[in-house]
Protein backbone atom coordinates (compact mmCIF):
# COMPACT_ATOMS: atom_id res chain seq x y z
CA MET A 1 0.00 0.00 0.00
CA ALA A 2 1.36 3.42 -0.92
CA SER A 3 2.28 5.97 1.70
CA ARG A 4 -0.62 8.21 0.69
CA GLU A 5 -3.15 5.48 1.38
CA THR A 6 -1.58 4.52 4.70
CA SER A 7 -1.58 8.18 5.76
CA ALA A 8 -5.27 8.43 4.91
CA LEU A 9 -5.99 5.25 6.87
CA TYR A 10 -4.05 6.61 9.86
CA LEU A 11 -5.92 9.94 9.76
CA LEU A 12 -9.26 8.14 9.52
CA ALA A 13 -8.34 6.05 12.58
CA LEU A 14 -7.42 9.20 14.53
CA ALA A 15 -10.73 10.79 13.53
CA HIS A 16 -12.58 7.76 14.90
CA LEU A 17 -10.53 7.91 18.08
CA GLN A 18 -11.25 11.58 18.64
CA ASN A 19 -14.94 11.15 17.89
CA ALA A 20 -15.61 8.51 20.55
CA HIS A 21 -15.23 5.45 18.31
CA PRO A 22 -12.09 3.82 19.74
CA GLU A 23 -13.12 0.34 18.62
CA LYS A 24 -13.22 1.44 14.98
CA ALA A 25 -9.91 3.22 15.44
CA ALA A 26 -8.34 0.08 16.92
CA THR A 27 -9.55 -2.02 13.97
CA LEU A 28 -8.09 0.42 11.42
CA LEU A 29 -4.83 0.80 13.32
CA ALA A 30 -4.43 -2.97 13.67
CA ALA A 31 -4.91 -3.28 9.91
CA LEU A 32 -2.38 -0.51 9.33
CA ASP A 33 0.07 -2.28 11.65
CA ALA A 34 -0.38 -5.46 9.62
CA LEU A 35 0.44 -3.53 6.44
CA GLU A 36 3.41 -1.65 7.91
CA PRO A 37 4.46 -3.45 11.09
CA GLY A 38 6.18 -1.72 13.96
CA GLN A 39 5.59 1.93 13.12
CA PRO A 40 5.85 3.77 16.48
CA ALA A 41 3.09 6.32 15.75
CA THR A 42 0.70 3.59 14.64
CA LEU A 43 1.49 1.44 17.66
CA MET A 44 1.05 4.36 20.07
CA ALA A 45 -2.32 5.27 18.55
CA LEU A 46 -3.31 1.60 18.61
CA ALA A 47 -2.41 1.28 22.30
CA TRP A 48 -4.34 4.46 23.10
CA SER A 49 -7.40 3.19 21.21
CA GLN A 50 -7.15 -0.13 23.03
CA VAL A 51 -7.16 1.65 26.40
CA ARG A 52 -10.19 3.66 25.30
CA SER A 53 -11.88 0.43 24.10
CA ASN A 54 -11.52 -1.20 27.53
CA GLN A 55 -8.75 -3.50 26.32
CA PRO A 56 -5.96 -2.47 28.71
CA ALA A 57 -4.16 -5.83 28.64
CA GLN A 58 -3.96 -5.66 24.84
CA ALA A 59 -2.72 -2.07 25.13
CA LEU A 60 0.12 -3.22 27.39
CA SER A 61 1.04 -5.84 24.80
CA THR A 62 1.11 -3.18 22.09
CA LEU A 63 3.19 -0.91 24.33
CA GLY A 64 5.61 -3.79 24.79
CA ARG A 65 6.19 -3.78 21.05
CA ILE A 66 6.97 -0.06 21.21
CA ARG A 67 9.42 -0.62 24.06
CA SER A 68 11.22 -3.44 22.23
CA GLY A 69 11.53 -1.19 19.18
CA GLY A 70 13.06 1.65 21.19
CA GLY A 71 10.21 4.10 20.61
CA VAL A 72 9.61 4.98 24.26
CA SER A 73 8.58 8.59 24.92
CA ALA A 74 6.69 10.53 27.55
CA SER A 75 3.38 9.68 25.87
CA TYR A 76 4.29 5.98 26.09
CA TYR A 77 4.29 6.28 29.89
CA LEU A 78 1.01 8.21 29.92
CA VAL A 79 -0.79 5.50 27.96
CA ARG A 80 0.94 2.82 30.04
CA ALA A 81 -0.25 4.47 33.26
CA GLN A 82 -3.82 4.53 32.00
CA ALA A 83 -3.70 0.87 30.96
CA LEU A 84 -2.22 -0.16 34.30
CA GLU A 85 -4.82 1.86 36.20
CA ALA A 86 -7.60 0.16 34.23
CA LEU A 87 -6.12 -3.17 35.30
CA GLN A 88 -6.06 -1.94 38.92
CA ARG A 89 -2.28 -2.13 39.08
CA GLN A 90 -1.97 1.18 40.93
CA PRO A 91 1.66 0.97 42.13
CA GLU A 92 2.86 0.39 38.56
CA ALA A 93 0.49 3.06 37.22
CA TYR A 94 1.87 5.52 39.77
CA LEU A 95 5.44 4.85 38.62
CA ALA A 96 4.44 5.21 34.98
CA ILE A 97 2.72 8.56 35.54
CA ARG A 98 5.70 9.81 37.55
CA THR A 99 7.97 8.85 34.66
CA PHE A 100 5.63 10.63 32.23
CA LEU A 101 5.77 13.80 34.32
CA ARG A 102 9.55 13.65 34.57
CA LEU A 103 10.05 13.09 30.83
CA ARG A 104 7.60 15.69 29.66
CA GLY A 105 9.53 18.40 31.47
CA PRO A 106 8.26 21.63 32.97
CA VAL A 107 4.96 22.99 31.77
CA ALA A 108 4.81 26.63 30.73
CA ARG A 109 2.52 28.67 32.91
CA ASN A 110 -0.18 30.91 31.54
CA ASN A 111 1.24 33.83 33.47
CA PRO A 112 2.71 36.55 31.26
CA PRO A 113 6.28 37.55 32.06
CA GLN A 114 6.53 40.42 34.49
CA THR A 115 8.44 43.48 33.33
């Protein structure tokens, strides 16, 4: 499948995810992963859609594929924390969210600079 078609499929999946249809998004993203295996952005979106579809164990499996491919980022730990929380694994979820906060760095405040 050409890059243009895979990009369209990815965007359609994200649209489903943002419009409260995570199951449809997961189906499209799984198909996209079958066509182009191991793409970090696809896997991250797939894991997120799996969490939103009440499939946290499957999301952890998908996240494991990201970790083995070296694509770990702050967002990885955010999705991991949510999957672990859904599985009632609070100590691990706490560590994952702490790692997310550390990796994301300081957040800019909405306060204008004082002169």
